[in-house]
Amino acid sequence: MSSPNLRVEIRKSWNGHSWGNDYLIHAADMDAGQAFAGQALAFERNMHETVVHFEGIRISTTLVGDRSFRHIPVNNFGLATNGSTNLLPLWNVLRFDFQTADSDPCRKYYRLPIPEVNQDNGNISSAVLSAYQTFFNTFFASLDASTTIVSTKGHVVVGGSPYALVQMRQLHRHKRKKVTIPA
């Protein structure tokens, strides 16, 4: 087991919403984390539609109380284009299952947004899934051997694949107001 020592967060925005995906990695130092961040950015840009703006990357340590971090400004857009303006709402996401060496479930949810033409009755088309798989394989193969993606429990990720069904995630799940019951 290789405990994560860095967290890499890629921040994005579209249509008034801002979100990010983070990766827990084990890397030699911040420079190795920054190299990983560039590769992860290239992977994510291939999957995200051209309307998605990539705002920046934050690399930080995972040690409690350690304030070591780097901010890398990014001003890029996604590269995926389908010629359609009909996009599913942002809570519809692509789930990516990462396989770990010891079967620890590790998933990432990507708000792309998903074009209507890329899905049929909630199933993402096989051609699109194949493209996402190719993007991931290229990204994963390009990683330096000394930098590994790990799960929250520290298990090393050894592969990954997209899930065929459109998934749903709530936006701003941490901003819900507490319900108070009157006495």
Protein backbone atom coordinates (compact mmCIF):
# COMPACT_ATOMS: atom_id res chain seq x y z
CA MET A 1 0.00 0.00 0.00
CA SER A 2 1.30 3.42 -0.97
CA SER A 3 -0.26 6.22 1.05
CA PRO A 4 -1.05 9.37 -0.92
CA ASN A 5 1.19 12.33 -0.22
CA LEU A 6 -0.28 14.78 -2.76
CA ARG A 7 -3.75 15.85 -3.87
CA VAL A 8 -4.15 17.28 -7.36
CA GLU A 9 -7.39 19.17 -7.99
CA ILE A 10 -8.41 20.36 -11.46
CA ARG A 11 -10.98 23.19 -11.31
CA LYS A 12 -13.52 23.70 -14.10
CA SER A 13 -16.58 25.83 -14.79
CA TRP A 14 -19.52 26.02 -17.17
CA ASN A 15 -22.80 27.87 -17.27
CA GLY A 16 -22.36 29.50 -13.85
CA HIS A 17 -21.28 26.29 -12.08
CA SER A 18 -17.79 25.56 -10.80
CA TRP A 19 -16.49 22.14 -9.79
CA GLY A 20 -13.36 20.05 -9.71
CA ASN A 21 -11.99 16.55 -9.76
CA ASP A 22 -9.19 15.59 -7.47
CA TYR A 23 -6.66 12.81 -7.70
CA LEU A 24 -4.76 11.36 -4.76
CA ILE A 25 -1.26 10.46 -5.83
CA HIS A 26 1.99 9.24 -4.40
CA ALA A 27 4.83 11.24 -5.94
CA ALA A 28 8.42 12.07 -5.06
CA ASP A 29 7.83 15.82 -4.69
CA MET A 30 5.73 18.80 -5.83
CA ASP A 31 7.52 18.89 -9.19
CA ALA A 32 6.47 15.28 -9.87
CA GLY A 33 2.95 16.23 -8.77
CA GLN A 34 2.98 19.13 -11.22
CA ALA A 35 4.09 16.83 -14.05
CA PHE A 36 1.20 14.48 -13.16
CA ALA A 37 -1.20 17.44 -13.12
CA GLY A 38 -0.27 18.32 -16.69
CA GLN A 39 -0.98 14.76 -17.82
CA ALA A 40 -4.28 14.63 -15.89
CA LEU A 41 -5.30 17.96 -17.43
CA ALA A 42 -4.66 16.60 -20.95
CA PHE A 43 -6.75 13.50 -20.12
CA GLU A 44 -9.66 15.55 -18.77
CA ARG A 45 -9.61 18.08 -21.63
CA ASN A 46 -10.03 15.22 -24.12
CA MET A 47 -13.23 14.09 -22.35
CA HIS A 48 -14.83 17.47 -21.61
CA GLU A 49 -16.88 19.44 -24.09
CA THR A 50 -15.57 22.70 -25.58
CA VAL A 51 -17.99 24.72 -23.39
CA VAL A 52 -16.16 23.65 -20.20
CA HIS A 53 -13.52 26.13 -19.03
CA PHE A 54 -10.51 24.75 -17.17
CA GLU A 55 -9.60 27.42 -14.61
CA GLY A 56 -6.68 26.06 -12.67
CA ILE A 57 -4.91 23.29 -10.82
CA ARG A 58 -4.11 23.08 -7.12
CA ILE A 59 -1.46 20.67 -5.88
CA SER A 60 -1.23 20.23 -2.13
CA THR A 61 0.14 17.81 0.40
CA THR A 62 -2.21 15.47 2.23
CA LEU A 63 -0.56 15.98 5.62
CA VAL A 64 -2.86 17.55 8.19
CA GLY A 65 -1.66 21.02 9.09
CA ASP A 66 0.86 21.22 6.24
CA ARG A 67 0.16 24.31 4.14
CA SER A 68 2.44 23.38 1.23
CA PHE A 69 0.67 23.83 -2.09
CA ARG A 70 0.94 25.21 -5.62
CA HIS A 71 -1.64 26.97 -7.73
CA ILE A 72 -1.22 26.65 -11.48
CA PRO A 73 -3.46 28.94 -13.51
CA VAL A 74 -5.02 27.32 -16.56
CA ASN A 75 -7.06 29.04 -19.22
CA ASN A 76 -8.12 26.20 -21.52
CA PHE A 77 -11.34 24.67 -22.73
CA GLY A 78 -12.35 21.06 -23.24
CA LEU A 79 -11.52 19.46 -26.57
CA ALA A 80 -14.54 17.18 -27.14
CA THR A 81 -16.95 18.45 -29.73
CA ASN A 82 -20.00 16.74 -31.09
CA GLY A 83 -21.63 19.46 -33.17
CA SER A 84 -24.64 19.55 -30.85
CA THR A 85 -25.80 22.13 -28.36
CA ASN A 86 -28.16 19.70 -26.62
CA LEU A 87 -26.36 18.76 -23.43
CA LEU A 88 -27.67 16.82 -20.46
CA PRO A 89 -27.90 18.79 -17.20
CA LEU A 90 -24.67 18.96 -15.24
CA TRP A 91 -25.78 16.47 -12.59
CA ASN A 92 -25.63 13.74 -15.25
CA VAL A 93 -22.08 12.45 -15.12
CA LEU A 94 -19.72 9.85 -16.51
CA ARG A 95 -18.54 7.37 -13.90
CA PHE A 96 -15.03 6.04 -14.26
CA ASP A 97 -14.14 2.92 -12.26
CA PHE A 98 -10.49 2.65 -11.30
CA GLN A 99 -9.20 -0.83 -10.53
CA THR A 100 -6.80 -1.17 -7.62
CA ALA A 101 -4.33 -3.91 -6.85
CA ASP A 102 -6.49 -5.18 -3.98
CA SER A 103 -10.04 -4.59 -5.28
CA ASP A 104 -10.67 -1.39 -3.34
CA PRO A 105 -13.56 0.38 -5.10
CA CYS A 106 -12.27 3.67 -6.47
CA ARG A 107 -14.49 5.84 -8.65
CA LYS A 108 -14.39 9.26 -10.23
CA TYR A 109 -17.42 11.12 -11.52
CA TYR A 110 -16.82 13.50 -14.40
CA ARG A 111 -19.29 16.30 -15.20
CA LEU A 112 -18.47 16.61 -18.89
CA PRO A 113 -21.42 17.68 -19.68
CA ILE A 114 -22.79 14.71 -21.65
CA PRO A 115 -24.18 15.51 -25.12
CA GLU A 116 -27.62 14.08 -25.92
CA VAL A 117 -26.22 12.47 -29.08
CA ASN A 118 -23.66 10.49 -27.03
CA GLN A 119 -26.28 8.60 -25.06
CA ASP A 120 -29.46 6.65 -25.72
CA ASN A 121 -31.94 6.00 -22.88
CA GLY A 122 -29.23 6.54 -20.28
CA ASN A 123 -26.59 4.38 -21.97
CA ILE A 124 -23.47 6.08 -23.26
CA SER A 125 -22.71 4.98 -26.82
CA SER A 126 -20.05 2.31 -27.26
CA ALA A 127 -18.01 4.53 -29.62
CA VAL A 128 -17.82 7.27 -26.97
CA LEU A 129 -16.94 4.75 -24.23
CA SER A 130 -14.20 3.37 -26.45
CA ALA A 131 -12.81 6.89 -26.98
CA TYR A 132 -12.85 7.56 -23.22
CA GLN A 133 -11.06 4.25 -22.63
CA THR A 134 -8.40 5.20 -25.19
CA PHE A 135 -7.91 8.60 -23.50
CA PHE A 136 -7.47 6.88 -20.13
CA ASN A 137 -5.07 4.24 -21.47
CA THR A 138 -2.91 6.96 -23.06
CA PHE A 139 -2.94 8.98 -19.83
CA PHE A 140 -2.19 5.97 -17.62
CA ALA A 141 0.64 4.74 -19.88
CA SER A 142 2.26 8.20 -19.87
CA LEU A 143 2.62 8.32 -16.07
CA ASP A 144 6.11 8.27 -14.61
CA ALA A 145 6.76 4.98 -12.79
CA SER A 146 7.56 6.90 -9.60
CA THR A 147 4.13 8.62 -9.58
CA THR A 148 1.10 6.47 -8.80
CA ILE A 149 -2.60 7.23 -8.47
CA VAL A 150 -3.96 5.79 -5.23
CA SER A 151 -7.41 5.32 -3.68
CA THR A 152 -8.46 7.10 -0.51
CA LYS A 153 -7.30 4.01 1.40
CA GLY A 154 -3.89 4.10 -0.27
CA HIS A 155 -4.32 1.24 -2.72
CA VAL A 156 -2.48 1.72 -6.01
CA VAL A 157 -4.65 2.15 -9.11
CA VAL A 158 -3.67 -0.36 -11.81
CA GLY A 159 -6.24 0.46 -14.49
CA GLY A 160 -9.62 1.95 -15.21
CA SER A 161 -12.67 1.90 -17.41
CA PRO A 162 -15.75 4.06 -18.03
CA TYR A 163 -19.15 2.82 -16.90
CA ALA A 164 -21.80 2.53 -19.63
CA LEU A 165 -24.76 4.03 -17.75
CA VAL A 166 -25.17 7.75 -17.24
CA GLN A 167 -24.82 8.43 -13.51
CA MET A 168 -26.25 11.26 -11.42
CA ARG A 169 -24.56 13.47 -8.86
CA GLN A 170 -25.99 16.36 -6.87
CA LEU A 171 -24.54 19.79 -7.35
CA HIS A 172 -23.44 21.61 -4.19
CA ARG A 173 -24.15 18.68 -1.90
CA HIS A 174 -22.18 20.35 0.88
CA LYS A 175 -24.26 23.52 0.77
CA ARG A 176 -27.59 22.04 1.85
CA LYS A 177 -29.27 23.84 4.68
CA LYS A 178 -29.85 21.91 7.86
CA VAL A 179 -33.43 21.06 8.59
CA THR A 180 -34.53 22.17 12.01
CA ILE A 181 -37.55 20.62 13.61
CA PRO A 182 -39.56 23.06 15.70
CA ALA A 183 -40.08 22.05 19.31
